[in-house]
Protein backbone atom coordinates (compact mmCIF):
# COMPACT_ATOMS: atom_id res chain seq x y z
CA MET A 1 45.40 0.61 -2.13
CA THR A 2 44.17 3.23 0.06
CA GLN A 3 41.15 3.19 2.05
CA ASN A 4 38.85 6.08 1.97
CA LYS A 5 37.75 7.09 5.53
CA ALA A 6 34.88 9.27 4.42
CA PRO A 7 31.44 8.08 5.68
CA LEU A 8 29.40 6.22 3.12
CA ALA A 9 26.85 8.80 2.44
CA GLU A 10 29.77 11.45 1.43
CA ARG A 11 31.48 8.61 -0.61
CA ILE A 12 28.07 8.13 -2.44
CA GLN A 13 27.53 11.90 -2.81
CA ALA A 14 30.98 12.40 -4.22
CA ARG A 15 30.55 9.50 -6.82
CA PHE A 16 26.87 10.05 -7.76
CA PRO A 17 26.01 13.80 -7.11
CA TRP A 18 22.74 13.51 -8.59
CA THR A 19 21.23 11.21 -6.12
CA VAL A 20 21.15 13.61 -3.28
CA SER A 21 19.14 16.18 -5.11
CA PHE A 22 16.79 13.51 -6.36
CA PHE A 23 16.01 12.24 -3.13
CA PHE A 24 15.78 15.67 -1.59
CA ARG A 25 13.34 16.37 -4.06
CA PHE A 26 11.18 13.14 -3.64
CA PRO A 27 11.57 12.45 0.02
CA TRP A 28 8.64 10.19 -0.14
CA LEU A 29 10.62 7.78 -2.43
CA THR A 30 13.19 7.46 0.11
CA GLN A 31 10.18 6.65 2.59
CA PHE A 32 8.66 4.30 0.35
CA PHE A 33 12.03 2.41 -0.12
CA ASN A 34 12.31 2.27 3.80
CA PHE A 35 8.58 1.03 3.83
CA SER A 36 9.65 -1.61 1.49
CA ILE A 37 12.50 -2.80 3.46
CA VAL A 38 9.91 -3.30 6.39
CA GLY A 39 7.83 -5.13 4.01
CA ALA A 40 10.74 -7.56 3.00
CA ILE A 41 11.86 -7.86 6.84
CA ASN A 42 8.23 -8.92 7.64
CA PHE A 43 7.95 -11.61 4.68
CA VAL A 44 11.22 -13.31 5.81
CA LEU A 45 10.03 -13.04 9.67
CA SER A 46 6.78 -14.47 8.59
CA TYR A 47 7.94 -17.15 6.57
CA ALA A 48 10.57 -18.17 9.17
CA LEU A 49 7.98 -18.01 12.27
CA TYR A 50 5.70 -19.97 9.76
CA GLY A 51 7.90 -22.50 8.72
CA GLY A 52 9.62 -23.02 12.15
CA GLY A 53 6.09 -23.56 13.92
CA VAL A 54 5.08 -26.05 11.20
CA TYR A 55 8.53 -27.77 11.64
CA ILE A 56 8.01 -28.04 15.49
CA GLY A 57 4.64 -29.65 15.07
CA LEU A 58 2.10 -26.66 15.21
CA HIS A 59 -0.66 -26.77 13.19
CA HIS A 60 -0.33 -24.70 9.93
CA GLN A 61 -3.00 -22.36 10.69
CA ILE A 62 -1.61 -21.59 14.37
CA ALA A 63 1.65 -21.21 12.87
CA ASN A 64 0.19 -18.66 10.36
CA GLN A 65 -1.68 -16.63 12.84
CA ILE A 66 1.37 -16.26 15.00
CA ALA A 67 3.57 -15.27 12.15
CA PHE A 68 0.76 -12.83 11.37
CA TRP A 69 0.42 -11.12 14.79
CA VAL A 70 4.17 -10.90 15.27
CA THR A 71 4.75 -9.38 11.72
CA ILE A 72 1.87 -6.87 12.48
CA LEU A 73 3.54 -5.83 15.75
CA ASN A 74 7.15 -5.76 13.84
CA GLY A 75 5.69 -3.62 11.15
CA TYR A 76 3.63 -1.44 13.27
CA LEU A 77 6.84 -0.39 15.22
CA LEU A 78 9.35 -0.24 12.43
CA ASN A 79 6.85 1.94 10.44
CA LYS A 80 6.16 4.02 13.52
CA PHE A 81 9.80 4.67 14.54
CA TRP A 82 11.89 4.47 11.49
CA VAL A 83 9.82 4.77 8.35
CA PHE A 84 7.44 7.66 9.23
CA GLY A 85 9.13 9.19 12.30
CA SER A 86 6.12 9.18 14.48
CA GLY A 87 7.90 7.73 17.55
CA HIS A 88 6.74 9.69 20.52
CA SER A 89 3.80 11.52 18.75
CA GLY A 90 1.39 10.93 21.74
CA ARG A 91 -0.99 9.32 19.32
CA THR A 92 -0.07 5.55 19.82
CA GLN A 93 -3.37 4.28 20.58
CA ALA A 94 -5.10 6.06 17.51
CA GLU A 95 -2.44 5.18 15.21
CA ALA A 96 -2.37 1.33 16.45
CA ILE A 97 -6.27 1.13 15.84
CA ARG A 98 -5.76 2.64 12.48
CA TYR A 99 -2.82 0.36 11.71
CA LEU A 100 -5.12 -2.60 12.59
CA THR A 101 -7.82 -1.21 10.55
CA VAL A 102 -5.82 -0.79 7.50
CA TYR A 103 -4.18 -4.09 7.56
CA GLY A 104 -7.14 -5.97 8.41
CA THR A 105 -8.80 -4.16 5.44
CA ASN A 106 -5.57 -5.11 3.34
CA TYR A 107 -5.97 -8.68 4.59
CA VAL A 108 -9.77 -8.80 3.20
CA LEU A 109 -8.52 -7.13 0.07
CA GLY A 110 -5.77 -9.93 -0.43
CA ILE A 111 -8.42 -12.61 -0.11
CA PHE A 112 -10.70 -11.04 -2.63
CA LEU A 113 -7.74 -10.66 -5.03
CA LEU A 114 -6.69 -14.25 -4.68
CA TYR A 115 -10.34 -15.26 -5.10
CA LEU A 116 -10.43 -13.06 -8.33
CA TYR A 117 -7.13 -14.16 -9.64
CA VAL A 118 -7.35 -18.06 -8.93
CA ASP A 119 -10.87 -18.83 -8.85
CA VAL A 120 -12.50 -16.56 -11.34
CA TRP A 121 -9.47 -15.87 -13.69
CA GLY A 122 -7.89 -19.20 -13.40
CA LEU A 123 -4.26 -17.96 -12.75
CA SER A 124 -1.67 -19.80 -10.75
CA LYS A 125 -2.22 -19.82 -6.95
CA TYR A 126 1.50 -19.43 -6.53
CA LEU A 127 1.59 -16.37 -8.83
CA ALA A 128 -1.62 -14.76 -7.60
CA PRO A 129 -0.15 -13.27 -4.28
CA ILE A 130 2.69 -11.52 -6.38
CA ILE A 131 0.45 -10.11 -8.79
CA ALA A 132 -1.56 -8.57 -6.09
CA MET A 133 1.34 -6.84 -4.52
CA PRO A 134 1.09 -3.88 -7.12
CA ILE A 135 -2.22 -3.25 -5.72
CA THR A 136 -1.86 -3.81 -1.92
CA ILE A 137 1.74 -2.51 -1.40
CA PRO A 138 1.21 1.27 -2.82
CA LEU A 139 -2.24 1.25 -0.97
CA ASN A 140 -0.75 0.34 2.28
CA TYR A 141 2.11 2.79 2.00
CA ILE A 142 -0.45 5.76 1.19
CA LEU A 143 -2.57 4.85 3.94
CA ASN A 144 0.26 4.57 6.25
CA ARG A 145 1.48 7.77 5.20
CA LYS A 146 -1.57 9.72 4.84
CA TRP A 147 -3.86 8.37 7.65
CA ILE A 148 -1.95 6.29 10.16
CA PHE A 149 1.15 8.21 10.62
CA ALA A 150 0.42 11.42 9.12
CA GLU A 151 1.49 14.54 10.92
CA ARG A 152 -1.37 16.35 12.79
CA ARG A 153 -1.44 19.95 12.82
CA LYS A 154 -1.75 21.63 16.21
CA GLN A 155 -5.22 23.01 16.92
CA GLY A 156 -4.59 26.50 18.20
């Protein structure tokens, strides 16, 4: 069995040529995929910090706050530098304020949706956060892309 030494991207392009044109035609889709990866990383990190904090004896609300703020920072950095490529834009303070605004608003929206789904409609409290995701995730992505990390045209 011979081992192909070509880079992974070239092997994928050779085997599935439609993928390259598809992702070039819809670059936002690749960006949304990367945004989703950051979300998955933050979910795992948050749960690990929360569970670890509770395990070592922290009150669950304190463990939750530690997990929340660590993942806010982690999400901001990964989105800024990797997903949206806004790394050295010179707008870090404005982006950080907008990021906190969006995620604070999303936090309140999540509380409202949980109330609506569980307390008003009687859905499962375990299922409710999952049902909220199709609303909160695309909203977060659009606001990150169009408002927080949007390219600013130079005034000239």
